[in-house]
Amino acid sequence: MASSKDFLEFVLGQLSMLPDITYRAMMGEFIIYYHGKIIGGIYDNRLLVKPTESILKIIPHATMEIPYDGGRPMIMIPDVENSELLTRVFNKLYDELPALKKKK
């Protein structure tokens, strides 16, 4: 099932306090970037982020979900209405994740 543009727009609205949030549509889903780093994505109208131990500490009740068949488990953000939580998660992930490698 593809994700809806309405859900994407809602999540982007919740993240509007953060600069440089971008996305890219990919096969009916959306990859979310923060300052050029892939933080996660929207899959089947679920916000999933890359798994790190610090995010599991911030959201201890979060579940690990598979974004698509064959995909690696990601952390599902259970409360997308909580913009303060989303901001903390995105800032923490940005600090922890490596920068994207430039294509040659």
PDB file of N, CA and C in Angstrom:
ATOM      1  N   MET A   1       0.843  -1.178   0.000  1.00  0.00           N
ATOM      2  CA  MET A   1       0.000   0.000   0.000  1.00  0.00           C
ATOM      3  C   MET A   1       0.890   1.244   0.000  1.00  0.00           C
ATOM      4  N   ALA A   2       0.634   2.160  -0.854  1.00  0.00           N
ATOM      5  CA  ALA A   2       1.412   3.392  -0.940  1.00  0.00           C
ATOM      6  C   ALA A   2       0.986   4.371   0.154  1.00  0.00           C
ATOM      7  N   SER A   3       1.906   5.240   0.516  1.00  0.00           N
ATOM      8  CA  SER A   3       1.618   6.271   1.515  1.00  0.00           C
ATOM      9  C   SER A   3       0.909   7.438   0.853  1.00  0.00           C
ATOM     10  N   SER A   4       0.095   8.128   1.635  1.00  0.00           N
ATOM     11  CA  SER A   4      -0.657   9.253   1.090  1.00  0.00           C
ATOM     12  C   SER A   4       0.142  10.552   1.204  1.00  0.00           C
ATOM     13  N   LYS A   5      -0.078  11.418   0.248  1.00  0.00           N
ATOM     14  CA  LYS A   5       0.546  12.747   0.267  1.00  0.00           C
ATOM     15  C   LYS A   5       0.039  13.540   1.473  1.00  0.00           C
ATOM     16  N   ASP A   6      -1.192  13.299   1.898  1.00  0.00           N
ATOM     17  CA  ASP A   6      -1.743  13.980   3.075  1.00  0.00           C
ATOM     18  C   ASP A   6      -0.949  13.635   4.331  1.00  0.00           C
ATOM     19  N   PHE A   7      -0.611  12.354   4.510  1.00  0.00           N
ATOM     20  CA  PHE A   7       0.170  11.955   5.683  1.00  0.00           C
ATOM     21  C   PHE A   7       1.558  12.585   5.622  1.00  0.00           C
ATOM     22  N   LEU A   8       2.175  12.576   4.447  1.00  0.00           N
ATOM     23  CA  LEU A   8       3.479  13.216   4.276  1.00  0.00           C
ATOM     24  C   LEU A   8       3.402  14.682   4.682  1.00  0.00           C
ATOM     25  N   GLU A   9       2.416  15.390   4.188  1.00  0.00           N
ATOM     26  CA  GLU A   9       2.277  16.816   4.493  1.00  0.00           C
ATOM     27  C   GLU A   9       2.048  17.047   5.979  1.00  0.00           C
ATOM     28  N   PHE A  10       1.297  16.153   6.638  1.00  0.00           N
ATOM     29  CA  PHE A  10       1.091  16.269   8.077  1.00  0.00           C
ATOM     30  C   PHE A  10       2.423  16.135   8.813  1.00  0.00           C
ATOM     31  N   VAL A  11       3.199  15.111   8.471  1.00  0.00           N
ATOM     32  CA  VAL A  11       4.493  14.891   9.127  1.00  0.00           C
ATOM     33  C   VAL A  11       5.421  16.070   8.864  1.00  0.00           C
ATOM     34  N   LEU A  12       5.476  16.551   7.632  1.00  0.00           N
ATOM     35  CA  LEU A  12       6.322  17.706   7.314  1.00  0.00           C
ATOM     36  C   LEU A  12       5.886  18.932   8.118  1.00  0.00           C
ATOM     37  N   GLY A  13       4.589  19.098   8.321  1.00  0.00           N
ATOM     38  CA  GLY A  13       4.088  20.189   9.148  1.00  0.00           C
ATOM     39  C   GLY A  13       4.550  20.057  10.589  1.00  0.00           C
ATOM     40  N   GLN A  14       4.575  18.836  11.099  1.00  0.00           N
ATOM     41  CA  GLN A  14       5.045  18.595  12.457  1.00  0.00           C
ATOM     42  C   GLN A  14       6.541  18.891  12.587  1.00  0.00           C
ATOM     43  N   LEU A  15       7.262  18.773  11.494  1.00  0.00           N
ATOM     44  CA  LEU A  15       8.703  19.017  11.477  1.00  0.00           C
ATOM     45  C   LEU A  15       9.061  20.426  11.007  1.00  0.00           C
ATOM     46  N   SER A  16       8.079  21.293  10.869  1.00  0.00           N
ATOM     47  CA  SER A  16       8.312  22.608  10.272  1.00  0.00           C
ATOM     48  C   SER A  16       9.262  23.485  11.093  1.00  0.00           C
ATOM     49  N   MET A  17       9.510  23.150  12.354  1.00  0.00           N
ATOM     50  CA  MET A  17      10.451  23.923  13.174  1.00  0.00           C
ATOM     51  C   MET A  17      11.903  23.644  12.778  1.00  0.00           C
ATOM     52  N   LEU A  18      12.122  22.539  12.060  1.00  0.00           N
ATOM     53  CA  LEU A  18      13.471  22.167  11.651  1.00  0.00           C
ATOM     54  C   LEU A  18      13.773  22.707  10.254  1.00  0.00           C
ATOM     55  N   PRO A  19      14.966  23.273  10.070  1.00  0.00           N
ATOM     56  CA  PRO A  19      15.325  23.739   8.731  1.00  0.00           C
ATOM     57  C   PRO A  19      15.787  22.572   7.865  1.00  0.00           C
ATOM     58  N   ASP A  20      15.640  22.732   6.586  1.00  0.00           N
ATOM     59  CA  ASP A  20      16.222  21.804   5.608  1.00  0.00           C
ATOM     60  C   ASP A  20      15.700  20.374   5.699  1.00  0.00           C
ATOM     61  N   ILE A  21      14.397  20.216   5.953  1.00  0.00           N
ATOM     62  CA  ILE A  21      13.752  18.905   5.841  1.00  0.00           C
ATOM     63  C   ILE A  21      13.304  18.771   4.393  1.00  0.00           C
ATOM     64  N   THR A  22      13.727  17.712   3.748  1.00  0.00           N
ATOM     65  CA  THR A  22      13.315  17.460   2.372  1.00  0.00           C
ATOM     66  C   THR A  22      12.860  16.011   2.264  1.00  0.00           C
ATOM     67  N   TYR A  23      12.269  15.705   1.138  1.00  0.00           N
ATOM     68  CA  TYR A  23      11.824  14.328   0.909  1.00  0.00           C
ATOM     69  C   TYR A  23      11.972  13.998  -0.555  1.00  0.00           C
ATOM     70  N   ARG A  24      11.937  12.706  -0.817  1.00  0.00           N
ATOM     71  CA  ARG A  24      11.964  12.229  -2.198  1.00  0.00           C
ATOM     72  C   ARG A  24      10.972  11.084  -2.304  1.00  0.00           C
ATOM     73  N   ALA A  25      10.102  11.165  -3.283  1.00  0.00           N
ATOM     74  CA  ALA A  25       9.149  10.083  -3.525  1.00  0.00           C
ATOM     75  C   ALA A  25       9.893   8.911  -4.142  1.00  0.00           C
ATOM     76  N   MET A  26       9.552   7.710  -3.655  1.00  0.00           N
ATOM     77  CA  MET A  26      10.203   6.524  -4.180  1.00  0.00           C
ATOM     78  C   MET A  26       9.227   5.354  -4.121  1.00  0.00           C
ATOM     79  N   MET A  27       8.745   4.947  -5.274  1.00  0.00           N
ATOM     80  CA  MET A  27       7.877   3.781  -5.409  1.00  0.00           C
ATOM     81  C   MET A  27       6.660   3.845  -4.479  1.00  0.00           C
ATOM     82  N   GLY A  28       6.012   4.993  -4.422  1.00  0.00           N
ATOM     83  CA  GLY A  28       4.802   5.156  -3.629  1.00  0.00           C
ATOM     84  C   GLY A  28       5.046   5.480  -2.165  1.00  0.00           C
ATOM     85  N   GLU A  29       6.298   5.597  -1.781  1.00  0.00           N
ATOM     86  CA  GLU A  29       6.664   5.932  -0.406  1.00  0.00           C
ATOM     87  C   GLU A  29       7.517   7.194  -0.445  1.00  0.00           C
ATOM     88  N   PHE A  30       7.969   7.668   0.727  1.00  0.00           N
ATOM     89  CA  PHE A  30       8.724   8.915   0.790  1.00  0.00           C
ATOM     90  C   PHE A  30       9.940   8.749   1.692  1.00  0.00           C
ATOM     91  N   ILE A  31      11.114   9.094   1.185  1.00  0.00           N
ATOM     92  CA  ILE A  31      12.351   9.098   1.960  1.00  0.00           C
ATOM     93  C   ILE A  31      12.497  10.505   2.548  1.00  0.00           C
ATOM     94  N   ILE A  32      12.787  10.591   3.853  1.00  0.00           N
ATOM     95  CA  ILE A  32      12.900  11.874   4.541  1.00  0.00           C
ATOM     96  C   ILE A  32      14.377  12.175   4.817  1.00  0.00           C
ATOM     97  N   TYR A  33      14.787  13.390   4.464  1.00  0.00           N
ATOM     98  CA  TYR A  33      16.156  13.852   4.667  1.00  0.00           C
ATOM     99  C   TYR A  33      16.152  15.034   5.638  1.00  0.00           C
ATOM    100  N   TYR A  34      17.211  15.118   6.426  1.00  0.00           N
ATOM    101  CA  TYR A  34      17.415  16.274   7.298  1.00  0.00           C
ATOM    102  C   TYR A  34      18.842  16.745   7.064  1.00  0.00           C
ATOM    103  N   HIS A  35      18.997  17.952   6.561  1.00  0.00           N
ATOM    104  CA  HIS A  35      20.307  18.498   6.169  1.00  0.00           C
ATOM    105  C   HIS A  35      21.059  17.517   5.276  1.00  0.00           C
ATOM    106  N   GLY A  36      20.341  16.873   4.383  1.00  0.00           N
ATOM    107  CA  GLY A  36      20.957  15.987   3.406  1.00  0.00           C
ATOM    108  C   GLY A  36      21.178  14.557   3.857  1.00  0.00           C
ATOM    109  N   LYS A  37      20.937  14.254   5.135  1.00  0.00           N
ATOM    110  CA  LYS A  37      21.097  12.884   5.630  1.00  0.00           C
ATOM    111  C   LYS A  37      19.754  12.169   5.610  1.00  0.00           C
ATOM    112  N   ILE A  38      19.764  10.913   5.205  1.00  0.00           N
ATOM    113  CA  ILE A  38      18.539  10.118   5.259  1.00  0.00           C
ATOM    114  C   ILE A  38      18.273   9.761   6.715  1.00  0.00           C
ATOM    115  N   ILE A  39      17.152  10.222   7.215  1.00  0.00           N
ATOM    116  CA  ILE A  39      16.758   9.971   8.603  1.00  0.00           C
ATOM    117  C   ILE A  39      15.810   8.779   8.673  1.00  0.00           C
ATOM    118  N   GLY A  40      14.962   8.661   7.668  1.00  0.00           N
ATOM    119  CA  GLY A  40      13.979   7.587   7.644  1.00  0.00           C
ATOM    120  C   GLY A  40      13.048   7.792   6.472  1.00  0.00           C
ATOM    121  N   GLY A  41      11.793   7.415   6.683  1.00  0.00           N
ATOM    122  CA  GLY A  41      10.842   7.570   5.600  1.00  0.00           C
ATOM    123  C   GLY A  41       9.423   7.294   6.050  1.00  0.00           C
ATOM    124  N   ILE A  42       8.531   7.509   5.121  1.00  0.00           N
ATOM    125  CA  ILE A  42       7.120   7.216   5.349  1.00  0.00           C
ATOM    126  C   ILE A  42       6.786   6.017   4.476  1.00  0.00           C
ATOM    127  N   TYR A  43       6.397   4.952   5.149  1.00  0.00           N
ATOM    128  CA  TYR A  43       6.079   3.687   4.498  1.00  0.00           C
ATOM    129  C   TYR A  43       4.709   3.242   4.980  1.00  0.00           C
ATOM    130  N   ASP A  44       3.780   3.046   4.059  1.00  0.00           N
ATOM    131  CA  ASP A  44       2.407   2.637   4.414  1.00  0.00           C
ATOM    132  C   ASP A  44       1.823   3.543   5.490  1.00  0.00           C
ATOM    133  N   ASN A  45       2.021   4.849   5.323  1.00  0.00           N
ATOM    134  CA  ASN A  45       1.527   5.860   6.265  1.00  0.00           C
ATOM    135  C   ASN A  45       2.019   5.641   7.692  1.00  0.00           C
ATOM    136  N   ARG A  46       3.274   5.193   7.803  1.00  0.00           N
ATOM    137  CA  ARG A  46       3.959   5.078   9.096  1.00  0.00           C
ATOM    138  C   ARG A  46       5.274   5.822   8.970  1.00  0.00           C
ATOM    139  N   LEU A  47       5.622   6.618   9.984  1.00  0.00           N
ATOM    140  CA  LEU A  47       6.914   7.282  10.007  1.00  0.00           C
ATOM    141  C   LEU A  47       7.909   6.335  10.656  1.00  0.00           C
ATOM    142  N   LEU A  48       8.875   5.899   9.873  1.00  0.00           N
ATOM    143  CA  LEU A  48       9.912   4.988  10.351  1.00  0.00           C
ATOM    144  C   LEU A  48      11.260   5.686  10.241  1.00  0.00           C
ATOM    145  N   VAL A  49      12.094   5.528  11.286  1.00  0.00           N
ATOM    146  CA  VAL A  49      13.415   6.149  11.281  1.00  0.00           C
ATOM    147  C   VAL A  49      14.479   5.073  11.467  1.00  0.00           C
ATOM    148  N   LYS A  50      15.695   5.439  11.115  1.00  0.00           N
ATOM    149  CA  LYS A  50      16.805   4.504  11.250  1.00  0.00           C
ATOM    150  C   LYS A  50      16.988   4.136  12.720  1.00  0.00           C
ATOM    151  N   PRO A  51      17.290   2.874  12.976  1.00  0.00           N
ATOM    152  CA  PRO A  51      17.395   2.430  14.364  1.00  0.00           C
ATOM    153  C   PRO A  51      18.741   2.768  15.000  1.00  0.00           C
ATOM    154  N   THR A  52      18.683   3.424  16.143  1.00  0.00           N
ATOM    155  CA  THR A  52      19.865   3.650  16.967  1.00  0.00           C
ATOM    156  C   THR A  52      19.452   3.427  18.418  1.00  0.00           C
ATOM    157  N   GLU A  53      20.420   3.090  19.255  1.00  0.00           N
ATOM    158  CA  GLU A  53      20.112   2.852  20.666  1.00  0.00           C
ATOM    159  C   GLU A  53      19.600   4.114  21.342  1.00  0.00           C
ATOM    160  N   SER A  54      20.123   5.269  20.966  1.00  0.00           N
ATOM    161  CA  SER A  54      19.687   6.508  21.610  1.00  0.00           C
ATOM    162  C   SER A  54      18.221   6.812  21.306  1.00  0.00           C
ATOM    163  N   ILE A  55      17.755   6.465  20.120  1.00  0.00           N
ATOM    164  CA  ILE A  55      16.341   6.697  19.794  1.00  0.00           C
ATOM    165  C   ILE A  55      15.468   5.736  20.591  1.00  0.00           C
ATOM    166  N   LEU A  56      15.920   4.510  20.775  1.00  0.00           N
ATOM    167  CA  LEU A  56      15.162   3.567  21.598  1.00  0.00           C
ATOM    168  C   LEU A  56      15.125   4.017  23.056  1.00  0.00           C
ATOM    169  N   LYS A  57      16.106   4.786  23.496  1.00  0.00           N
ATOM    170  CA  LYS A  57      16.069   5.350  24.849  1.00  0.00           C
ATOM    171  C   LYS A  57      15.087   6.514  24.923  1.00  0.00           C
ATOM    172  N   ILE A  58      15.024   7.302  23.861  1.00  0.00           N
ATOM    173  CA  ILE A  58      14.079   8.426  23.825  1.00  0.00           C
ATOM    174  C   ILE A  58      12.650   7.906  23.748  1.00  0.00           C
ATOM    175  N   ILE A  59      12.440   6.836  22.976  1.00  0.00           N
ATOM    176  CA  ILE A  59      11.103   6.240  22.791  1.00  0.00           C
ATOM    177  C   ILE A  59      11.190   4.761  23.174  1.00  0.00           C
ATOM    178  N   PRO A  60      11.228   4.454  24.461  1.00  0.00           N
ATOM    179  CA  PRO A  60      11.422   3.061  24.874  1.00  0.00           C
ATOM    180  C   PRO A  60      10.297   2.112  24.470  1.00  0.00           C
ATOM    181  N   HIS A  61       9.107   2.629  24.250  1.00  0.00           N
ATOM    182  CA  HIS A  61       7.969   1.785  23.873  1.00  0.00           C
ATOM    183  C   HIS A  61       7.812   1.650  22.355  1.00  0.00           C
ATOM    184  N   ALA A  62       8.765   2.193  21.604  1.00  0.00           N
ATOM    185  CA  ALA A  62       8.691   2.119  20.141  1.00  0.00           C
ATOM    186  C   ALA A  62       8.871   0.677  19.672  1.00  0.00           C
ATOM    187  N   THR A  63       8.275   0.384  18.541  1.00  0.00           N
ATOM    188  CA  THR A  63       8.416  -0.957  17.966  1.00  0.00           C
ATOM    189  C   THR A  63       9.288  -0.885  16.722  1.00  0.00           C
ATOM    190  N   MET A  64       9.877  -2.009  16.407  1.00  0.00           N
ATOM    191  CA  MET A  64      10.661  -2.129  15.180  1.00  0.00           C
ATOM    192  C   MET A  64       9.721  -2.675  14.111  1.00  0.00           C
ATOM    193  N   GLU A  65       9.719  -2.039  12.958  1.00  0.00           N
ATOM    194  CA  GLU A  65       8.832  -2.416  11.859  1.00  0.00           C
ATOM    195  C   GLU A  65       9.659  -2.587  10.587  1.00  0.00           C
ATOM    196  N   ILE A  66       9.196  -3.445   9.722  1.00  0.00           N
ATOM    197  CA  ILE A  66       9.811  -3.635   8.407  1.00  0.00           C
ATOM    198  C   ILE A  66       9.153  -2.646   7.444  1.00  0.00           C
ATOM    199  N   PRO A  67       9.931  -1.787   6.788  1.00  0.00           N
ATOM    200  CA  PRO A  67       9.328  -0.780   5.910  1.00  0.00           C
ATOM    201  C   PRO A  67       8.705  -1.365   4.636  1.00  0.00           C
ATOM    202  N   TYR A  68       9.315  -2.414   4.107  1.00  0.00           N
ATOM    203  CA  TYR A  68       8.851  -3.050   2.866  1.00  0.00           C
ATOM    204  C   TYR A  68       9.462  -4.441   2.829  1.00  0.00           C
ATOM    205  N   ASP A  69       8.936  -5.296   1.975  1.00  0.00           N
ATOM    206  CA  ASP A  69       9.468  -6.662   1.870  1.00  0.00           C
ATOM    207  C   ASP A  69      10.963  -6.626   1.589  1.00  0.00           C
ATOM    208  N   GLY A  70      11.717  -7.295   2.430  1.00  0.00           N
ATOM    209  CA  GLY A  70      13.155  -7.357   2.262  1.00  0.00           C
ATOM    210  C   GLY A  70      13.907  -6.219   2.922  1.00  0.00           C
ATOM    211  N   GLY A  71      13.189  -5.259   3.496  1.00  0.00           N
ATOM    212  CA  GLY A  71      13.839  -4.120   4.145  1.00  0.00           C
ATOM    213  C   GLY A  71      14.321  -4.457   5.544  1.00  0.00           C
ATOM    214  N   ARG A  72      15.235  -3.660   6.027  1.00  0.00           N
ATOM    215  CA  ARG A  72      15.741  -3.823   7.382  1.00  0.00           C
ATOM    216  C   ARG A  72      14.768  -3.179   8.372  1.00  0.00           C
ATOM    217  N   PRO A  73      14.677  -3.729   9.579  1.00  0.00           N
ATOM    218  CA  PRO A  73      13.773  -3.139  10.581  1.00  0.00           C
ATOM    219  C   PRO A  73      14.158  -1.699  10.908  1.00  0.00           C
ATOM    220  N   MET A  74      13.142  -0.885  11.113  1.00  0.00           N
ATOM    221  CA  MET A  74      13.314   0.515  11.481  1.00  0.00           C
ATOM    222  C   MET A  74      12.427   0.800  12.687  1.00  0.00           C
ATOM    223  N   ILE A  75      12.697   1.904  13.362  1.00  0.00           N
ATOM    224  CA  ILE A  75      11.904   2.295  14.518  1.00  0.00           C
ATOM    225  C   ILE A  75      10.673   3.053  14.038  1.00  0.00           C
ATOM    226  N   MET A  76       9.497   2.586  14.451  1.00  0.00           N
ATOM    227  CA  MET A  76       8.269   3.300  14.106  1.00  0.00           C
ATOM    228  C   MET A  76       8.020   4.368  15.166  1.00  0.00           C
ATOM    229  N   ILE A  77       7.815   5.591  14.720  1.00  0.00           N
ATOM    230  CA  ILE A  77       7.491   6.686  15.623  1.00  0.00           C
ATOM    231  C   ILE A  77       5.995   6.586  15.927  1.00  0.00           C
ATOM    232  N   PRO A  78       5.645   6.268  17.174  1.00  0.00           N
ATOM    233  CA  PRO A  78       4.244   6.009  17.491  1.00  0.00           C
ATOM    234  C   PRO A  78       3.383   7.259  17.608  1.00  0.00           C
ATOM    235  N   ASP A  79       4.006   8.404  17.863  1.00  0.00           N
ATOM    236  CA  ASP A  79       3.237   9.615  18.162  1.00  0.00           C
ATOM    237  C   ASP A  79       3.663  10.747  17.233  1.00  0.00           C
ATOM    238  N   VAL A  80       3.230  10.692  15.981  1.00  0.00           N
ATOM    239  CA  VAL A  80       3.629  11.728  15.019  1.00  0.00           C
ATOM    240  C   VAL A  80       2.972  13.070  15.308  1.00  0.00           C
ATOM    241  N   GLU A  81       2.000  13.090  16.216  1.00  0.00           N
ATOM    242  CA  GLU A  81       1.365  14.354  16.597  1.00  0.00           C
ATOM    243  C   GLU A  81       2.255  15.166  17.535  1.00  0.00           C
ATOM    244  N   ASN A  82       3.259  14.540  18.113  1.00  0.00           N
ATOM    245  CA  ASN A  82       4.135  15.180  19.094  1.00  0.00           C
ATOM    246  C   ASN A  82       5.338  15.799  18.376  1.00  0.00           C
ATOM    247  N   SER A  83       5.211  17.066  17.991  1.00  0.00           N
ATOM    248  CA  SER A  83       6.278  17.708  17.213  1.00  0.00           C
ATOM    249  C   SER A  83       7.550  17.883  18.040  1.00  0.00           C
ATOM    250  N   GLU A  84       7.439  18.052  19.341  1.00  0.00           N
ATOM    251  CA  GLU A  84       8.628  18.173  20.192  1.00  0.00           C
ATOM    252  C   GLU A  84       9.433  16.867  20.165  1.00  0.00           C
ATOM    253  N   LEU A  85       8.742  15.748  20.245  1.00  0.00           N
ATOM    254  CA  LEU A  85       9.399  14.442  20.176  1.00  0.00           C
ATOM    255  C   LEU A  85      10.065  14.255  18.814  1.00  0.00           C
ATOM    256  N   LEU A  86       9.352  14.576  17.744  1.00  0.00           N
ATOM    257  CA  LEU A  86       9.926  14.431  16.399  1.00  0.00           C
ATOM    258  C   LEU A  86      11.184  15.277  16.236  1.00  0.00           C
ATOM    259  N   THR A  87      11.165  16.486  16.767  1.00  0.00           N
ATOM    260  CA  THR A  87      12.325  17.369  16.689  1.00  0.00           C
ATOM    261  C   THR A  87      13.511  16.759  17.423  1.00  0.00           C
ATOM    262  N   ARG A  88      13.283  16.231  18.631  1.00  0.00           N
ATOM    263  CA  ARG A  88      14.361  15.583  19.394  1.00  0.00           C
ATOM    264  C   ARG A  88      14.932  14.396  18.629  1.00  0.00           C
ATOM    265  N   VAL A  89      14.039  13.565  18.081  1.00  0.00           N
ATOM    266  CA  VAL A  89      14.472  12.372  17.352  1.00  0.00           C
ATOM    267  C   VAL A  89      15.291  12.760  16.130  1.00  0.00           C
ATOM    268  N   PHE A  90      14.813  13.702  15.340  1.00  0.00           N
ATOM    269  CA  PHE A  90      15.517  14.090  14.118  1.00  0.00           C
ATOM    270  C   PHE A  90      16.873  14.729  14.430  1.00  0.00           C
ATOM    271  N   ASN A  91      16.934  15.574  15.466  1.00  0.00           N
ATOM    272  CA  ASN A  91      18.217  16.186  15.828  1.00  0.00           C
ATOM    273  C   ASN A  91      19.210  15.135  16.317  1.00  0.00           C
ATOM    274  N   LYS A  92      18.747  14.191  17.110  1.00  0.00           N
ATOM    275  CA  LYS A  92      19.623  13.134  17.619  1.00  0.00           C
ATOM    276  C   LYS A  92      20.130  12.255  16.475  1.00  0.00           C
ATOM    277  N   LEU A  93      19.231  11.878  15.575  1.00  0.00           N
ATOM    278  CA  LEU A  93      19.639  11.064  14.437  1.00  0.00           C
ATOM    279  C   LEU A  93      20.633  11.808  13.550  1.00  0.00           C
ATOM    280  N   TYR A  94      20.394  13.085  13.329  1.00  0.00           N
ATOM    281  CA  TYR A  94      21.317  13.869  12.503  1.00  0.00           C
ATOM    282  C   TYR A  94      22.722  13.836  13.104  1.00  0.00           C
ATOM    283  N   ASP A  95      22.808  13.983  14.424  1.00  0.00           N
ATOM    284  CA  ASP A  95      24.108  13.970  15.092  1.00  0.00           C
ATOM    285  C   ASP A  95      24.797  12.616  14.986  1.00  0.00           C
ATOM    286  N   GLU A  96      24.035  11.532  14.965  1.00  0.00           N
ATOM    287  CA  GLU A  96      24.601  10.190  15.022  1.00  0.00           C
ATOM    288  C   GLU A  96      24.882   9.546  13.669  1.00  0.00           C
ATOM    289  N   LEU A  97      24.087   9.860  12.675  1.00  0.00           N
ATOM    290  CA  LEU A  97      24.205   9.178  11.391  1.00  0.00           C
ATOM    291  C   LEU A  97      25.322   9.777  10.536  1.00  0.00           C
ATOM    292  N   PRO A  98      25.999   8.937   9.771  1.00  0.00           N
ATOM    293  CA  PRO A  98      27.055   9.448   8.893  1.00  0.00           C
ATOM    294  C   PRO A  98      26.448  10.237   7.722  1.00  0.00           C
ATOM    295  N   ALA A  99      27.243  11.113   7.168  1.00  0.00           N
ATOM    296  CA  ALA A  99      26.811  11.885   6.011  1.00  0.00           C
ATOM    297  C   ALA A  99      26.669  10.950   4.801  1.00  0.00           C
ATOM    298  N   LEU A 100      25.820  11.356   3.879  1.00  0.00           N
ATOM    299  CA  LEU A 100      25.671  10.591   2.644  1.00  0.00           C
ATOM    300  C   LEU A 100      26.961  10.646   1.842  1.00  0.00           C
ATOM    301  N   LYS A 101      27.271   9.545   1.212  1.00  0.00           N
ATOM    302  CA  LYS A 101      28.438   9.520   0.346  1.00  0.00           C
ATOM    303  C   LYS A 101      28.049  10.106  -1.004  1.00  0.00           C
ATOM    304  N   LYS A 102      28.896  10.963  -1.526  1.00  0.00           N
ATOM    305  CA  LYS A 102      28.641  11.576  -2.830  1.00  0.00           C
ATOM    306  C   LYS A 102      28.856  10.544  -3.932  1.00  0.00           C
ATOM    307  N   LYS A 103      27.951  10.556  -4.921  1.00  0.00           N
ATOM    308  CA  LYS A 103      28.109   9.669  -6.069  1.00  0.00           C
ATOM    309  C   LYS A 103      29.179  10.240  -6.976  1.00  0.00           C
ATOM    310  N   LYS A 104      29.952   9.342  -7.575  1.00  0.00           N
ATOM    311  CA  LYS A 104      31.032   9.781  -8.477  1.00  0.00           C
ATOM    312  C   LYS A 104      30.491  10.028  -9.858  1.00  0.00           C
TER     313      LYS A 104
END
